[in-house]
Amino acid sequence: MRINVNTVADSETFPSAVDVIVIGGGIIGTSVSYALAKRERSVALFEKRDWR
């Protein structure tokens, strides 16, 4: 199974609807997001820092 990951820089490119919003990109936030995506849920993960 392939999980699609998209980076959103502004509100213009943000999806109009998602199944789940996760706040925090630490180990728990990313793990929860990954598990939900594997179950074919659309997930928006918000992180306050830019990790590029």
PDB file of N, CA and C in Angstrom:
ATOM      1  N   MET A   1       0.841  -1.168   0.000  1.00  0.00           N
ATOM      2  CA  MET A   1       0.000   0.000   0.000  1.00  0.00           C
ATOM      3  C   MET A   1       0.892   1.239   0.000  1.00  0.00           C
ATOM      4  N   ARG A   2       0.540   2.208  -0.818  1.00  0.00           N
ATOM      5  CA  ARG A   2       1.285   3.469  -0.888  1.00  0.00           C
ATOM      6  C   ARG A   2       0.492   4.554  -0.182  1.00  0.00           C
ATOM      7  N   ILE A   3       1.172   5.307   0.686  1.00  0.00           N
ATOM      8  CA  ILE A   3       0.547   6.412   1.405  1.00  0.00           C
ATOM      9  C   ILE A   3       1.049   7.707   0.790  1.00  0.00           C
ATOM     10  N   ASN A   4       0.131   8.554   0.339  1.00  0.00           N
ATOM     11  CA  ASN A   4       0.494   9.830  -0.273  1.00  0.00           C
ATOM     12  C   ASN A   4       0.704  10.883   0.800  1.00  0.00           C
ATOM     13  N   VAL A   5       1.796  11.632   0.677  1.00  0.00           N
ATOM     14  CA  VAL A   5       2.109  12.717   1.605  1.00  0.00           C
ATOM     15  C   VAL A   5       2.280  13.989   0.798  1.00  0.00           C
ATOM     16  N   ASN A   6       1.541  15.014   1.173  1.00  0.00           N
ATOM     17  CA  ASN A   6       1.637  16.305   0.500  1.00  0.00           C
ATOM     18  C   ASN A   6       1.950  17.381   1.523  1.00  0.00           C
ATOM     19  N   THR A   7       2.877  18.276   1.178  1.00  0.00           N
ATOM     20  CA  THR A   7       3.191  19.419   2.022  1.00  0.00           C
ATOM     21  C   THR A   7       2.328  20.587   1.583  1.00  0.00           C
ATOM     22  N   VAL A   8       1.694  21.245   2.536  1.00  0.00           N
ATOM     23  CA  VAL A   8       0.819  22.385   2.240  1.00  0.00           C
ATOM     24  C   VAL A   8       1.452  23.627   2.844  1.00  0.00           C
ATOM     25  N   ALA A   9       1.689  24.629   2.014  1.00  0.00           N
ATOM     26  CA  ALA A   9       2.356  25.841   2.483  1.00  0.00           C
ATOM     27  C   ALA A   9       1.383  26.955   2.861  1.00  0.00           C
ATOM     28  N   ASP A  10       0.180  26.920   2.303  1.00  0.00           N
ATOM     29  CA  ASP A  10      -0.764  27.995   2.592  1.00  0.00           C
ATOM     30  C   ASP A  10      -2.192  27.491   2.463  1.00  0.00           C
ATOM     31  N   SER A  11      -3.141  28.326   2.804  1.00  0.00           N
ATOM     32  CA  SER A  11      -4.550  27.915   2.792  1.00  0.00           C
ATOM     33  C   SER A  11      -5.092  27.691   1.389  1.00  0.00           C
ATOM     34  N   GLU A  12      -4.414  28.183   0.382  1.00  0.00           N
ATOM     35  CA  GLU A  12      -4.872  27.990  -0.996  1.00  0.00           C
ATOM     36  C   GLU A  12      -4.770  26.523  -1.428  1.00  0.00           C
ATOM     37  N   THR A  13      -3.774  25.810  -0.917  1.00  0.00           N
ATOM     38  CA  THR A  13      -3.555  24.432  -1.344  1.00  0.00           C
ATOM     39  C   THR A  13      -4.041  23.406  -0.331  1.00  0.00           C
ATOM     40  N   PHE A  14      -4.593  23.869   0.790  1.00  0.00           N
ATOM     41  CA  PHE A  14      -5.089  22.957   1.811  1.00  0.00           C
ATOM     42  C   PHE A  14      -6.346  22.252   1.307  1.00  0.00           C
ATOM     43  N   PRO A  15      -6.497  20.956   1.557  1.00  0.00           N
ATOM     44  CA  PRO A  15      -7.693  20.241   1.090  1.00  0.00           C
ATOM     45  C   PRO A  15      -8.967  20.804   1.720  1.00  0.00           C
ATOM     46  N   SER A  16     -10.046  20.730   0.993  1.00  0.00           N
ATOM     47  CA  SER A  16     -11.317  21.280   1.489  1.00  0.00           C
ATOM     48  C   SER A  16     -11.910  20.427   2.607  1.00  0.00           C
ATOM     49  N   ALA A  17     -11.534  19.156   2.694  1.00  0.00           N
ATOM     50  CA  ALA A  17     -12.054  18.286   3.758  1.00  0.00           C
ATOM     51  C   ALA A  17     -11.055  17.173   4.033  1.00  0.00           C
ATOM     52  N   VAL A  18     -10.935  16.801   5.302  1.00  0.00           N
ATOM     53  CA  VAL A  18     -10.122  15.655   5.722  1.00  0.00           C
ATOM     54  C   VAL A  18     -10.914  14.880   6.761  1.00  0.00           C
ATOM     55  N   ASP A  19     -10.551  13.622   6.957  1.00  0.00           N
ATOM     56  CA  ASP A  19     -11.236  12.804   7.955  1.00  0.00           C
ATOM     57  C   ASP A  19     -10.783  13.141   9.374  1.00  0.00           C
ATOM     58  N   VAL A  20      -9.474  13.379   9.543  1.00  0.00           N
ATOM     59  CA  VAL A  20      -8.907  13.585  10.876  1.00  0.00           C
ATOM     60  C   VAL A  20      -7.858  14.687  10.817  1.00  0.00           C
ATOM     61  N   ILE A  21      -7.832  15.527  11.849  1.00  0.00           N
ATOM     62  CA  ILE A  21      -6.767  16.511  12.017  1.00  0.00           C
ATOM     63  C   ILE A  21      -5.964  16.114  13.241  1.00  0.00           C
ATOM     64  N   VAL A  22      -4.645  16.002  13.060  1.00  0.00           N
ATOM     65  CA  VAL A  22      -3.736  15.677  14.158  1.00  0.00           C
ATOM     66  C   VAL A  22      -2.869  16.902  14.402  1.00  0.00           C
ATOM     67  N   ILE A  23      -2.787  17.334  15.648  1.00  0.00           N
ATOM     68  CA  ILE A  23      -1.978  18.497  16.001  1.00  0.00           C
ATOM     69  C   ILE A  23      -0.747  18.010  16.748  1.00  0.00           C
ATOM     70  N   GLY A  24       0.409  18.259  16.154  1.00  0.00           N
ATOM     71  CA  GLY A  24       1.680  17.858  16.746  1.00  0.00           C
ATOM     72  C   GLY A  24       2.349  16.785  15.925  1.00  0.00           C
ATOM     73  N   GLY A  25       3.551  17.072  15.447  1.00  0.00           N
ATOM     74  CA  GLY A  25       4.271  16.140  14.588  1.00  0.00           C
ATOM     75  C   GLY A  25       5.357  15.365  15.300  1.00  0.00           C
ATOM     76  N   GLY A  26       5.202  15.173  16.596  1.00  0.00           N
ATOM     77  CA  GLY A  26       6.156  14.348  17.344  1.00  0.00           C
ATOM     78  C   GLY A  26       5.931  12.877  17.044  1.00  0.00           C
ATOM     79  N   ILE A  27       6.536  12.038  17.847  1.00  0.00           N
ATOM     80  CA  ILE A  27       6.456  10.596  17.611  1.00  0.00           C
ATOM     81  C   ILE A  27       5.019  10.083  17.679  1.00  0.00           C
ATOM     82  N   ILE A  28       4.235  10.593  18.591  1.00  0.00           N
ATOM     83  CA  ILE A  28       2.847  10.127  18.711  1.00  0.00           C
ATOM     84  C   ILE A  28       1.990  10.656  17.569  1.00  0.00           C
ATOM     85  N   GLY A  29       2.125  11.949  17.258  1.00  0.00           N
ATOM     86  CA  GLY A  29       1.333  12.534  16.167  1.00  0.00           C
ATOM     87  C   GLY A  29       1.606  11.891  14.825  1.00  0.00           C
ATOM     88  N   THR A  30       2.892  11.640  14.530  1.00  0.00           N
ATOM     89  CA  THR A  30       3.208  11.014  13.250  1.00  0.00           C
ATOM     90  C   THR A  30       2.789   9.548  13.219  1.00  0.00           C
ATOM     91  N   SER A  31       2.918   8.867  14.354  1.00  0.00           N
ATOM     92  CA  SER A  31       2.489   7.462  14.414  1.00  0.00           C
ATOM     93  C   SER A  31       0.988   7.322  14.222  1.00  0.00           C
ATOM     94  N   VAL A  32       0.227   8.193  14.876  1.00  0.00           N
ATOM     95  CA  VAL A  32      -1.234   8.171  14.725  1.00  0.00           C
ATOM     96  C   VAL A  32      -1.615   8.501  13.286  1.00  0.00           C
ATOM     97  N   SER A  33      -0.961   9.508  12.718  1.00  0.00           N
ATOM     98  CA  SER A  33      -1.252   9.890  11.331  1.00  0.00           C
ATOM     99  C   SER A  33      -0.965   8.745  10.372  1.00  0.00           C
ATOM    100  N   TYR A  34       0.161   8.073  10.573  1.00  0.00           N
ATOM    101  CA  TYR A  34       0.533   6.941   9.724  1.00  0.00           C
ATOM    102  C   TYR A  34      -0.484   5.801   9.843  1.00  0.00           C
ATOM    103  N   ALA A  35      -0.862   5.479  11.081  1.00  0.00           N
ATOM    104  CA  ALA A  35      -1.818   4.389  11.298  1.00  0.00           C
ATOM    105  C   ALA A  35      -3.170   4.707  10.649  1.00  0.00           C
ATOM    106  N   LEU A  36      -3.613   5.950  10.765  1.00  0.00           N
ATOM    107  CA  LEU A  36      -4.885   6.337  10.138  1.00  0.00           C
ATOM    108  C   LEU A  36      -4.785   6.298   8.613  1.00  0.00           C
ATOM    109  N   ALA A  37      -3.667   6.753   8.079  1.00  0.00           N
ATOM    110  CA  ALA A  37      -3.484   6.733   6.625  1.00  0.00           C
ATOM    111  C   ALA A  37      -3.458   5.301   6.095  1.00  0.00           C
ATOM    112  N   LYS A  38      -2.865   4.381   6.855  1.00  0.00           N
ATOM    113  CA  LYS A  38      -2.880   2.979   6.449  1.00  0.00           C
ATOM    114  C   LYS A  38      -4.299   2.429   6.407  1.00  0.00           C
ATOM    115  N   ARG A  39      -5.180   3.019   7.203  1.00  0.00           N
ATOM    116  CA  ARG A  39      -6.593   2.599   7.220  1.00  0.00           C
ATOM    117  C   ARG A  39      -7.439   3.436   6.254  1.00  0.00           C
ATOM    118  N   GLU A  40      -6.736   4.089   5.310  1.00  0.00           N
ATOM    119  CA  GLU A  40      -7.349   4.851   4.220  1.00  0.00           C
ATOM    120  C   GLU A  40      -8.172   6.043   4.700  1.00  0.00           C
ATOM    121  N   ARG A  41      -7.739   6.673   5.772  1.00  0.00           N
ATOM    122  CA  ARG A  41      -8.329   7.935   6.223  1.00  0.00           C
ATOM    123  C   ARG A  41      -7.477   9.075   5.684  1.00  0.00           C
ATOM    124  N   SER A  42      -8.108  10.193   5.354  1.00  0.00           N
ATOM    125  CA  SER A  42      -7.334  11.372   4.969  1.00  0.00           C
ATOM    126  C   SER A  42      -6.997  12.133   6.243  1.00  0.00           C
ATOM    127  N   VAL A  43      -5.731  12.475   6.389  1.00  0.00           N
ATOM    128  CA  VAL A  43      -5.225  13.058   7.635  1.00  0.00           C
ATOM    129  C   VAL A  43      -4.511  14.370   7.335  1.00  0.00           C
ATOM    130  N   ALA A  44      -4.775  15.383   8.141  1.00  0.00           N
ATOM    131  CA  ALA A  44      -4.011  16.630   8.107  1.00  0.00           C
ATOM    132  C   ALA A  44      -3.206  16.688   9.394  1.00  0.00           C
ATOM    133  N   LEU A  45      -1.886  16.733   9.262  1.00  0.00           N
ATOM    134  CA  LEU A  45      -0.989  16.776  10.411  1.00  0.00           C
ATOM    135  C   LEU A  45      -0.415  18.191  10.509  1.00  0.00           C
ATOM    136  N   PHE A  46      -0.661  18.858  11.622  1.00  0.00           N
ATOM    137  CA  PHE A  46      -0.167  20.212  11.839  1.00  0.00           C
ATOM    138  C   PHE A  46       1.022  20.198  12.786  1.00  0.00           C
ATOM    139  N   GLU A  47       2.078  20.890  12.381  1.00  0.00           N
ATOM    140  CA  GLU A  47       3.277  21.023  13.213  1.00  0.00           C
ATOM    141  C   GLU A  47       3.691  22.486  13.198  1.00  0.00           C
ATOM    142  N   LYS A  48       4.075  23.009  14.342  1.00  0.00           N
ATOM    143  CA  LYS A  48       4.409  24.433  14.415  1.00  0.00           C
ATOM    144  C   LYS A  48       5.773  24.757  13.833  1.00  0.00           C
ATOM    145  N   ARG A  49       6.655  23.778  13.743  1.00  0.00           N
ATOM    146  CA  ARG A  49       7.990  24.031  13.211  1.00  0.00           C
ATOM    147  C   ARG A  49       8.103  23.541  11.779  1.00  0.00           C
ATOM    148  N   ASP A  50       8.983  24.184  11.020  1.00  0.00           N
ATOM    149  CA  ASP A  50       9.295  23.752   9.663  1.00  0.00           C
ATOM    150  C   ASP A  50      10.523  22.858   9.726  1.00  0.00           C
ATOM    151  N   TRP A  51      10.343  21.564   9.433  1.00  0.00           N
ATOM    152  CA  TRP A  51      11.424  20.596   9.575  1.00  0.00           C
ATOM    153  C   TRP A  51      12.167  20.308   8.283  1.00  0.00           C
ATOM    154  N   ARG A  52      12.083  21.201   7.326  1.00  0.00           N
ATOM    155  CA  ARG A  52      12.798  20.968   6.057  1.00  0.00           C
ATOM    156  C   ARG A  52      14.257  21.093   6.191  1.00  0.00           C
TER     157      ARG A  52
END
